[in-house]
Amino acid sequence: MKLKYMMIASLVLNIAIFALVFMQKGAYVSQAKTQYEKVTGKYYDQAAMIVGGQNEVIANNALLWNLACTANMTAKNSKDFATTEKRIDTDRKFLSPEVRTDPATKIQTRKVSWNADYYIVAYFDNTQKFLGVNVDALLGKAPPAVALDADDSSEDGDDASAAE
């Protein structure tokens, strides 16, 4: 009889232990799911922000490409170019254009951009006739290097030895 009670007690304890293990397993699974959702949610938000920024760059550059292509096909003078620019930039993405005139050649440039890195430069002669558009910045080409002063051109003092 004593053996019978020991078997029953052993069976009850084993069932209790199995129930405890399965309850703990359920808690660990829910903890793991919660942590996984929290961590992957952060990564997803960061990735969505990066992709959103890239899509904005692509959309804004598409406006500049549209302006450059349309101007090359239709603009005859600076007024036509400005009208085309205004028609394409309905959302006011472009910054105020920088207009400069080279005193030596009398060629006028109009730099249209939506930020400092992405821009196009339209060229006009002294009668405001449209000459063309430079899209090097949109192609990823560096702008022409600016000439340095003679004293800034060397860091190790080679200019001083060359002057002697």
N, C-alpha and C. Protein backbone atom coordinates (compact mmCIF):
# COMPACT_ATOMS: atom_id res chain seq x y z
N MET A 1 0.80 -1.17 0.00
CA MET A 1 0.00 0.00 0.00
C MET A 1 0.86 1.25 0.00
N LYS A 2 1.92 1.15 0.75
CA LYS A 2 2.83 2.27 0.79
C LYS A 2 3.39 2.55 -0.60
N LEU A 3 3.66 1.55 -1.37
CA LEU A 3 4.18 1.69 -2.72
C LEU A 3 3.14 2.36 -3.62
N LYS A 4 1.87 2.04 -3.40
CA LYS A 4 0.80 2.61 -4.20
C LYS A 4 0.71 4.12 -3.95
N TYR A 5 0.80 4.57 -2.71
CA TYR A 5 0.76 6.00 -2.39
C TYR A 5 1.98 6.73 -2.93
N MET A 6 3.11 6.05 -2.91
CA MET A 6 4.35 6.67 -3.44
C MET A 6 4.25 6.85 -4.96
N MET A 7 3.64 5.88 -5.65
CA MET A 7 3.47 5.98 -7.10
C MET A 7 2.52 7.13 -7.44
N ILE A 8 1.44 7.23 -6.68
CA ILE A 8 0.48 8.30 -6.93
C ILE A 8 1.13 9.66 -6.67
N ALA A 9 1.85 9.78 -5.57
CA ALA A 9 2.53 11.04 -5.25
C ALA A 9 3.56 11.38 -6.31
N SER A 10 4.29 10.38 -6.78
CA SER A 10 5.29 10.59 -7.83
C SER A 10 4.62 11.05 -9.12
N LEU A 11 3.51 10.44 -9.47
CA LEU A 11 2.78 10.80 -10.69
C LEU A 11 2.25 12.23 -10.59
N VAL A 12 1.70 12.61 -9.43
CA VAL A 12 1.19 13.97 -9.23
C VAL A 12 2.33 14.98 -9.32
N LEU A 13 3.45 14.68 -8.72
CA LEU A 13 4.61 15.59 -8.79
C LEU A 13 5.12 15.72 -10.22
N ASN A 14 5.20 14.62 -10.95
CA ASN A 14 5.66 14.68 -12.35
C ASN A 14 4.72 15.52 -13.20
N ILE A 15 3.41 15.34 -13.00
CA ILE A 15 2.43 16.14 -13.75
C ILE A 15 2.58 17.61 -13.39
N ALA A 16 2.77 17.92 -12.12
CA ALA A 16 2.96 19.30 -11.67
C ALA A 16 4.22 19.90 -12.29
N ILE A 17 5.29 19.12 -12.33
CA ILE A 17 6.53 19.62 -12.92
C ILE A 17 6.34 19.89 -14.41
N PHE A 18 5.69 18.96 -15.14
CA PHE A 18 5.44 19.17 -16.57
C PHE A 18 4.57 20.40 -16.80
N ALA A 19 3.55 20.60 -15.98
CA ALA A 19 2.68 21.77 -16.11
C ALA A 19 3.49 23.04 -15.86
N LEU A 20 4.35 23.03 -14.87
CA LEU A 20 5.20 24.18 -14.57
C LEU A 20 6.14 24.50 -15.73
N VAL A 21 6.72 23.46 -16.32
CA VAL A 21 7.63 23.65 -17.47
C VAL A 21 6.89 24.27 -18.65
N PHE A 22 5.70 23.78 -18.96
CA PHE A 22 4.94 24.31 -20.09
C PHE A 22 4.46 25.74 -19.84
N MET A 23 4.11 26.07 -18.60
CA MET A 23 3.71 27.44 -18.29
C MET A 23 4.90 28.39 -18.44
N GLN A 24 6.08 27.96 -17.98
CA GLN A 24 7.28 28.79 -18.12
C GLN A 24 7.64 28.97 -19.59
N LYS A 25 7.51 27.89 -20.37
CA LYS A 25 7.82 27.97 -21.79
C LYS A 25 6.93 29.01 -22.48
N GLY A 26 5.65 29.02 -22.13
CA GLY A 26 4.72 30.00 -22.70
C GLY A 26 5.13 31.43 -22.36
N ALA A 27 5.58 31.66 -21.13
CA ALA A 27 6.02 32.99 -20.72
C ALA A 27 7.28 33.40 -21.48
N TYR A 28 8.22 32.47 -21.67
CA TYR A 28 9.44 32.78 -22.41
C TYR A 28 9.14 33.11 -23.87
N VAL A 29 8.22 32.38 -24.45
CA VAL A 29 7.86 32.63 -25.85
C VAL A 29 7.24 34.01 -26.00
N SER A 30 6.34 34.38 -25.10
CA SER A 30 5.72 35.70 -25.21
C SER A 30 6.74 36.81 -24.97
N GLN A 31 7.69 36.60 -24.05
CA GLN A 31 8.75 37.59 -23.83
C GLN A 31 9.60 37.73 -25.09
N ALA A 32 9.94 36.61 -25.70
CA ALA A 32 10.77 36.63 -26.90
C ALA A 32 10.05 37.34 -28.04
N LYS A 33 8.77 37.08 -28.20
CA LYS A 33 7.99 37.74 -29.26
C LYS A 33 7.94 39.25 -29.04
N THR A 34 7.71 39.66 -27.80
CA THR A 34 7.66 41.09 -27.48
C THR A 34 8.99 41.76 -27.78
N GLN A 35 10.08 41.15 -27.35
CA GLN A 35 11.40 41.73 -27.60
C GLN A 35 11.72 41.77 -29.09
N TYR A 36 11.39 40.71 -29.80
CA TYR A 36 11.63 40.65 -31.25
C TYR A 36 10.86 41.76 -31.97
N GLU A 37 9.60 41.97 -31.61
CA GLU A 37 8.80 43.01 -32.25
C GLU A 37 9.35 44.40 -31.94
N LYS A 38 9.84 44.59 -30.71
CA LYS A 38 10.38 45.89 -30.35
C LYS A 38 11.66 46.19 -31.14
N VAL A 39 12.57 45.22 -31.20
CA VAL A 39 13.85 45.43 -31.89
C VAL A 39 13.66 45.55 -33.39
N THR A 40 12.89 44.67 -33.99
CA THR A 40 12.69 44.74 -35.43
C THR A 40 11.88 45.96 -35.82
N GLY A 41 11.01 46.42 -34.93
CA GLY A 41 10.26 47.65 -35.20
C GLY A 41 11.18 48.85 -35.32
N LYS A 42 12.19 48.94 -34.45
CA LYS A 42 13.16 50.03 -34.51
C LYS A 42 13.94 49.97 -35.83
N TYR A 43 14.42 48.78 -36.19
CA TYR A 43 15.17 48.64 -37.44
C TYR A 43 14.30 48.96 -38.65
N TYR A 44 13.07 48.53 -38.61
CA TYR A 44 12.15 48.81 -39.71
C TYR A 44 11.93 50.32 -39.84
N ASP A 45 11.73 51.00 -38.72
CA ASP A 45 11.52 52.45 -38.76
C ASP A 45 12.75 53.17 -39.30
N GLN A 46 13.95 52.73 -38.89
CA GLN A 46 15.18 53.34 -39.41
C GLN A 46 15.32 53.10 -40.91
N ALA A 47 15.04 51.88 -41.35
CA ALA A 47 15.14 51.56 -42.77
C ALA A 47 14.10 52.35 -43.57
N ALA A 48 12.90 52.49 -43.04
CA ALA A 48 11.86 53.25 -43.73
C ALA A 48 12.26 54.71 -43.84
N MET A 49 12.91 55.25 -42.81
CA MET A 49 13.35 56.64 -42.85
C MET A 49 14.43 56.82 -43.92
N ILE A 50 15.36 55.88 -44.01
CA ILE A 50 16.43 55.97 -45.02
C ILE A 50 15.85 55.86 -46.42
N VAL A 51 14.98 54.90 -46.63
CA VAL A 51 14.37 54.72 -47.94
C VAL A 51 13.51 55.94 -48.31
N GLY A 52 12.81 56.49 -47.34
CA GLY A 52 12.02 57.70 -47.59
C GLY A 52 12.90 58.87 -48.00
N GLY A 53 14.04 59.02 -47.34
CA GLY A 53 14.98 60.09 -47.72
C GLY A 53 15.53 59.88 -49.12
N GLN A 54 15.86 58.63 -49.45
CA GLN A 54 16.36 58.34 -50.79
C GLN A 54 15.29 58.60 -51.85
N ASN A 55 14.06 58.25 -51.54
CA ASN A 55 12.97 58.51 -52.48
C ASN A 55 12.77 60.00 -52.70
N GLU A 56 12.96 60.79 -51.64
CA GLU A 56 12.83 62.25 -51.77
C GLU A 56 13.93 62.80 -52.67
N VAL A 57 15.16 62.31 -52.50
CA VAL A 57 16.27 62.74 -53.36
C VAL A 57 15.98 62.39 -54.81
N ILE A 58 15.49 61.18 -55.04
CA ILE A 58 15.19 60.74 -56.41
C ILE A 58 14.09 61.62 -57.01
N ALA A 59 13.05 61.90 -56.25
CA ALA A 59 11.94 62.71 -56.77
C ALA A 59 12.41 64.14 -57.07
N ASN A 60 13.20 64.73 -56.18
CA ASN A 60 13.67 66.09 -56.41
C ASN A 60 14.66 66.15 -57.59
N ASN A 61 15.51 65.14 -57.71
CA ASN A 61 16.42 65.11 -58.85
C ASN A 61 15.65 64.90 -60.16
N ALA A 62 14.56 64.16 -60.10
CA ALA A 62 13.73 63.98 -61.29
C ALA A 62 13.16 65.32 -61.75
N LEU A 63 12.82 66.20 -60.80
CA LEU A 63 12.36 67.54 -61.17
C LEU A 63 13.46 68.31 -61.90
N LEU A 64 14.70 68.22 -61.38
CA LEU A 64 15.81 68.91 -62.03
C LEU A 64 16.08 68.34 -63.42
N TRP A 65 16.03 67.01 -63.56
CA TRP A 65 16.22 66.39 -64.87
C TRP A 65 15.12 66.82 -65.83
N ASN A 66 13.90 66.88 -65.34
CA ASN A 66 12.78 67.32 -66.17
C ASN A 66 13.00 68.75 -66.64
N LEU A 67 13.45 69.61 -65.74
CA LEU A 67 13.73 71.00 -66.10
C LEU A 67 14.84 71.08 -67.14
N ALA A 68 15.92 70.32 -66.93
CA ALA A 68 17.05 70.36 -67.87
C ALA A 68 16.63 69.88 -69.26
N CYS A 69 15.92 68.78 -69.32
CA CYS A 69 15.51 68.22 -70.62
C CYS A 69 14.48 69.12 -71.31
N THR A 70 13.50 69.59 -70.55
CA THR A 70 12.49 70.46 -71.13
C THR A 70 13.11 71.76 -71.62
N ALA A 71 14.01 72.33 -70.84
CA ALA A 71 14.66 73.58 -71.25
C ALA A 71 15.50 73.37 -72.51
N ASN A 72 16.21 72.26 -72.59
CA ASN A 72 17.01 71.99 -73.79
C ASN A 72 16.13 71.87 -75.03
N MET A 73 14.91 71.38 -74.87
CA MET A 73 14.04 71.20 -76.03
C MET A 73 13.23 72.44 -76.37
N THR A 74 12.87 73.26 -75.37
CA THR A 74 11.91 74.34 -75.64
C THR A 74 12.42 75.75 -75.38
N ALA A 75 13.35 75.93 -74.45
CA ALA A 75 13.76 77.30 -74.07
C ALA A 75 14.61 77.95 -75.15
N LYS A 76 14.27 79.19 -75.45
CA LYS A 76 15.06 79.95 -76.42
C LYS A 76 15.81 81.10 -75.76
N ASN A 77 15.32 81.54 -74.59
CA ASN A 77 15.97 82.64 -73.87
C ASN A 77 15.78 82.44 -72.36
N SER A 78 16.28 83.39 -71.60
CA SER A 78 16.22 83.25 -70.14
C SER A 78 14.78 83.32 -69.62
N LYS A 79 13.93 84.08 -70.28
CA LYS A 79 12.53 84.17 -69.86
C LYS A 79 11.83 82.83 -70.05
N ASP A 80 12.08 82.16 -71.18
CA ASP A 80 11.51 80.83 -71.40
C ASP A 80 11.99 79.85 -70.34
N PHE A 81 13.27 79.94 -70.00
CA PHE A 81 13.82 79.04 -68.98
C PHE A 81 13.15 79.28 -67.63
N ALA A 82 13.01 80.55 -67.25
CA ALA A 82 12.39 80.88 -65.96
C ALA A 82 10.92 80.43 -65.93
N THR A 83 10.23 80.57 -67.05
CA THR A 83 8.84 80.13 -67.13
C THR A 83 8.75 78.61 -67.00
N THR A 84 9.64 77.90 -67.67
CA THR A 84 9.68 76.44 -67.57
C THR A 84 9.99 76.01 -66.15
N GLU A 85 10.93 76.71 -65.53
CA GLU A 85 11.29 76.40 -64.13
C GLU A 85 10.09 76.56 -63.21
N LYS A 86 9.36 77.64 -63.38
CA LYS A 86 8.20 77.90 -62.52
C LYS A 86 7.09 76.87 -62.77
N ARG A 87 6.91 76.47 -64.02
CA ARG A 87 5.87 75.50 -64.37
C ARG A 87 6.18 74.13 -63.78
N ILE A 88 7.46 73.74 -63.79
CA ILE A 88 7.85 72.41 -63.29
C ILE A 88 7.86 72.37 -61.77
N ASP A 89 8.25 73.47 -61.14
CA ASP A 89 8.38 73.50 -59.67
C ASP A 89 7.08 73.95 -59.01
N THR A 90 6.04 73.15 -59.17
CA THR A 90 4.75 73.52 -58.59
C THR A 90 4.72 73.36 -57.07
N ASP A 91 5.53 72.46 -56.53
CA ASP A 91 5.57 72.23 -55.08
C ASP A 91 6.58 73.11 -54.37
N ARG A 92 7.22 73.99 -55.09
CA ARG A 92 8.22 74.93 -54.53
C ARG A 92 9.37 74.19 -53.86
N LYS A 93 9.92 73.17 -54.54
CA LYS A 93 11.05 72.41 -54.01
C LYS A 93 12.37 73.12 -54.27
N PHE A 94 12.45 73.87 -55.36
CA PHE A 94 13.71 74.52 -55.73
C PHE A 94 13.98 75.72 -54.83
N LEU A 95 15.27 75.92 -54.55
CA LEU A 95 15.69 77.12 -53.83
C LEU A 95 15.70 78.29 -54.82
N SER A 96 15.88 79.49 -54.31
CA SER A 96 15.98 80.64 -55.21
C SER A 96 17.19 80.47 -56.11
N PRO A 97 17.01 80.68 -57.41
CA PRO A 97 18.14 80.47 -58.32
C PRO A 97 19.23 81.52 -58.11
N GLU A 98 20.47 81.08 -58.30
CA GLU A 98 21.61 81.99 -58.23
C GLU A 98 21.94 82.43 -59.65
N VAL A 99 21.86 83.72 -59.90
CA VAL A 99 22.14 84.26 -61.23
C VAL A 99 23.43 85.06 -61.15
N ARG A 100 24.36 84.72 -62.03
CA ARG A 100 25.65 85.42 -62.08
C ARG A 100 26.01 85.72 -63.52
N THR A 101 26.78 86.78 -63.71
CA THR A 101 27.27 87.13 -65.04
C THR A 101 28.78 87.23 -64.98
N ASP A 102 29.44 86.54 -65.88
CA ASP A 102 30.90 86.60 -65.97
C ASP A 102 31.26 87.90 -66.69
N PRO A 103 32.02 88.80 -66.03
CA PRO A 103 32.33 90.09 -66.65
C PRO A 103 33.18 89.95 -67.92
N ALA A 104 34.01 88.94 -67.98
CA ALA A 104 34.90 88.80 -69.14
C ALA A 104 34.14 88.31 -70.37
N THR A 105 33.31 87.30 -70.21
CA THR A 105 32.64 86.69 -71.37
C THR A 105 31.21 87.18 -71.54
N LYS A 106 30.67 87.87 -70.54
CA LYS A 106 29.28 88.34 -70.52
C LYS A 106 28.27 87.20 -70.58
N ILE A 107 28.72 85.99 -70.21
CA ILE A 107 27.81 84.85 -70.17
C ILE A 107 27.15 84.81 -68.80
N GLN A 108 25.83 84.71 -68.83
CA GLN A 108 25.06 84.66 -67.59
C GLN A 108 24.78 83.20 -67.24
N THR A 109 24.89 82.87 -65.94
CA THR A 109 24.56 81.53 -65.48
C THR A 109 23.41 81.61 -64.49
N ARG A 110 22.57 80.62 -64.54
CA ARG A 110 21.45 80.53 -63.59
C ARG A 110 21.51 79.14 -62.97
N LYS A 111 21.86 79.09 -61.69
CA LYS A 111 22.00 77.82 -60.96
C LYS A 111 20.68 77.52 -60.25
N VAL A 112 20.07 76.39 -60.62
CA VAL A 112 18.80 75.97 -60.02
C VAL A 112 19.09 74.72 -59.20
N SER A 113 18.68 74.73 -57.93
CA SER A 113 18.96 73.58 -57.06
C SER A 113 17.84 73.40 -56.06
N TRP A 114 17.83 72.21 -55.45
CA TRP A 114 16.92 71.98 -54.33
C TRP A 114 17.72 71.79 -53.05
N ASN A 115 19.04 71.60 -53.15
CA ASN A 115 19.96 71.68 -52.01
C ASN A 115 21.35 71.96 -52.58
N ALA A 116 22.36 72.04 -51.75
CA ALA A 116 23.69 72.45 -52.20
C ALA A 116 24.37 71.41 -53.08
N ASP A 117 23.97 70.15 -52.98
CA ASP A 117 24.65 69.08 -53.71
C ASP A 117 24.06 68.77 -55.08
N TYR A 118 22.80 69.05 -55.27
CA TYR A 118 22.13 68.69 -56.51
C TYR A 118 21.61 69.95 -57.20
N TYR A 119 22.16 70.24 -58.38
CA TYR A 119 21.78 71.46 -59.09
C TYR A 119 22.06 71.31 -60.58
N ILE A 120 21.49 72.22 -61.34
CA ILE A 120 21.83 72.35 -62.76
C ILE A 120 22.20 73.81 -62.99
N VAL A 121 22.99 74.06 -64.03
CA VAL A 121 23.40 75.42 -64.35
C VAL A 121 23.02 75.69 -65.80
N ALA A 122 22.18 76.70 -66.02
CA ALA A 122 21.79 77.10 -67.37
C ALA A 122 22.68 78.27 -67.80
N TYR A 123 23.04 78.28 -69.07
CA TYR A 123 23.92 79.32 -69.61
C TYR A 123 23.17 80.14 -70.64
N PHE A 124 23.38 81.48 -70.59
CA PHE A 124 22.78 82.42 -71.53
C PHE A 124 23.85 83.39 -72.01
N ASP A 125 23.75 83.82 -73.26
CA ASP A 125 24.73 84.79 -73.76
C ASP A 125 24.29 86.20 -73.35
N ASN A 126 25.01 87.21 -73.84
CA ASN A 126 24.72 88.58 -73.40
C ASN A 126 23.38 89.11 -73.93
N THR A 127 22.78 88.43 -74.90
CA THR A 127 21.45 88.83 -75.38
C THR A 127 20.36 87.96 -74.76
N GLN A 128 20.69 87.21 -73.72
CA GLN A 128 19.78 86.33 -72.98
C GLN A 128 19.35 85.11 -73.79
N LYS A 129 20.07 84.80 -74.87
CA LYS A 129 19.78 83.60 -75.66
C LYS A 129 20.25 82.37 -74.87
N PHE A 130 19.41 81.36 -74.83
CA PHE A 130 19.72 80.12 -74.09
C PHE A 130 20.82 79.35 -74.82
N LEU A 131 21.89 79.00 -74.08
CA LEU A 131 23.01 78.27 -74.67
C LEU A 131 23.01 76.79 -74.32
N GLY A 132 22.54 76.43 -73.15
CA GLY A 132 22.53 75.02 -72.74
C GLY A 132 22.48 74.88 -71.24
N VAL A 133 22.48 73.60 -70.78
CA VAL A 133 22.39 73.29 -69.36
C VAL A 133 23.52 72.35 -68.99
N ASN A 134 24.19 72.63 -67.88
CA ASN A 134 25.22 71.76 -67.34
C ASN A 134 24.59 70.92 -66.23
N VAL A 135 24.64 69.59 -66.39
CA VAL A 135 24.03 68.68 -65.42
C VAL A 135 25.09 67.85 -64.70
N ASP A 136 26.33 68.30 -64.67
CA ASP A 136 27.41 67.53 -64.06
C ASP A 136 27.14 67.18 -62.60
N ALA A 137 26.53 68.08 -61.84
CA ALA A 137 26.26 67.79 -60.42
C ALA A 137 25.25 66.65 -60.29
N LEU A 138 24.29 66.58 -61.19
CA LEU A 138 23.32 65.48 -61.14
C LEU A 138 23.95 64.16 -61.56
N LEU A 139 25.00 64.23 -62.36
CA LEU A 139 25.71 63.03 -62.79
C LEU A 139 26.75 62.58 -61.77
N GLY A 140 26.96 63.39 -60.72
CA GLY A 140 27.91 63.02 -59.68
C GLY A 140 29.32 63.48 -59.97
N LYS A 141 29.49 64.33 -60.97
CA LYS A 141 30.83 64.85 -61.28
C LYS A 141 31.12 66.05 -60.39
N ALA A 142 32.36 66.14 -59.96
CA ALA A 142 32.75 67.24 -59.07
C ALA A 142 32.77 68.55 -59.85
N PRO A 143 32.46 69.66 -59.18
CA PRO A 143 32.56 70.96 -59.85
C PRO A 143 34.01 71.28 -60.15
N PRO A 144 34.27 72.18 -61.09
CA PRO A 144 35.65 72.52 -61.40
C PRO A 144 36.37 73.07 -60.18
N ALA A 145 37.65 72.70 -60.05
CA ALA A 145 38.44 73.14 -58.91
C ALA A 145 38.71 74.63 -58.99
N VAL A 146 38.68 75.28 -57.84
CA VAL A 146 38.96 76.70 -57.76
C VAL A 146 40.46 76.88 -57.57
N ALA A 147 41.06 77.82 -58.30
CA ALA A 147 42.49 78.05 -58.20
C ALA A 147 42.83 78.58 -56.81
N LEU A 148 43.87 78.03 -56.22
CA LEU A 148 44.30 78.45 -54.89
C LEU A 148 45.33 79.56 -55.01
N ASP A 149 45.44 80.36 -53.97
CA ASP A 149 46.48 81.36 -53.94
C ASP A 149 47.84 80.68 -53.86
N ALA A 150 48.88 81.37 -54.26
CA ALA A 150 50.22 80.78 -54.28
C ALA A 150 50.67 80.36 -52.89
N ASP A 151 50.35 81.16 -51.87
CA ASP A 151 50.81 80.80 -50.52
C ASP A 151 49.96 79.68 -49.92
N ASP A 152 48.78 79.39 -50.45
CA ASP A 152 47.95 78.30 -49.93
C ASP A 152 48.16 77.00 -50.68
N SER A 153 48.90 77.00 -51.78
CA SER A 153 48.98 75.83 -52.64
C SER A 153 49.89 74.73 -52.10
N SER A 154 50.74 75.02 -51.15
CA SER A 154 51.64 74.00 -50.64
C SER A 154 51.63 74.02 -49.12
N GLU A 155 51.57 72.84 -48.54
CA GLU A 155 51.55 72.76 -47.09
C GLU A 155 52.93 72.51 -46.50
N ASP A 156 53.85 71.94 -47.30
CA ASP A 156 55.14 71.57 -46.73
C ASP A 156 56.24 72.57 -47.06
N GLY A 157 55.93 73.70 -47.68
CA GLY A 157 56.93 74.74 -47.89
C GLY A 157 57.75 74.56 -49.14
N ASP A 158 57.31 73.76 -50.09
CA ASP A 158 58.06 73.58 -51.34
C ASP A 158 58.10 74.86 -52.16
N ASP A 159 57.10 75.72 -52.02
CA ASP A 159 57.08 76.97 -52.77
C ASP A 159 58.24 77.88 -52.35
N ALA A 160 58.55 77.88 -51.07
CA ALA A 160 59.65 78.74 -50.59
C ALA A 160 60.97 78.28 -51.17
N SER A 161 61.19 76.99 -51.27
CA SER A 161 62.45 76.49 -51.84
C SER A 161 62.49 76.68 -53.34
N ALA A 162 61.34 76.66 -53.99
CA ALA A 162 61.30 76.87 -55.45
C ALA A 162 61.55 78.32 -55.77
N ALA A 163 61.16 79.25 -54.88
CA ALA A 163 61.36 80.66 -55.13
C ALA A 163 62.83 81.06 -55.01
N GLU A 164 63.60 80.30 -54.26
CA GLU A 164 65.02 80.65 -54.08
C GLU A 164 65.78 80.18 -55.24
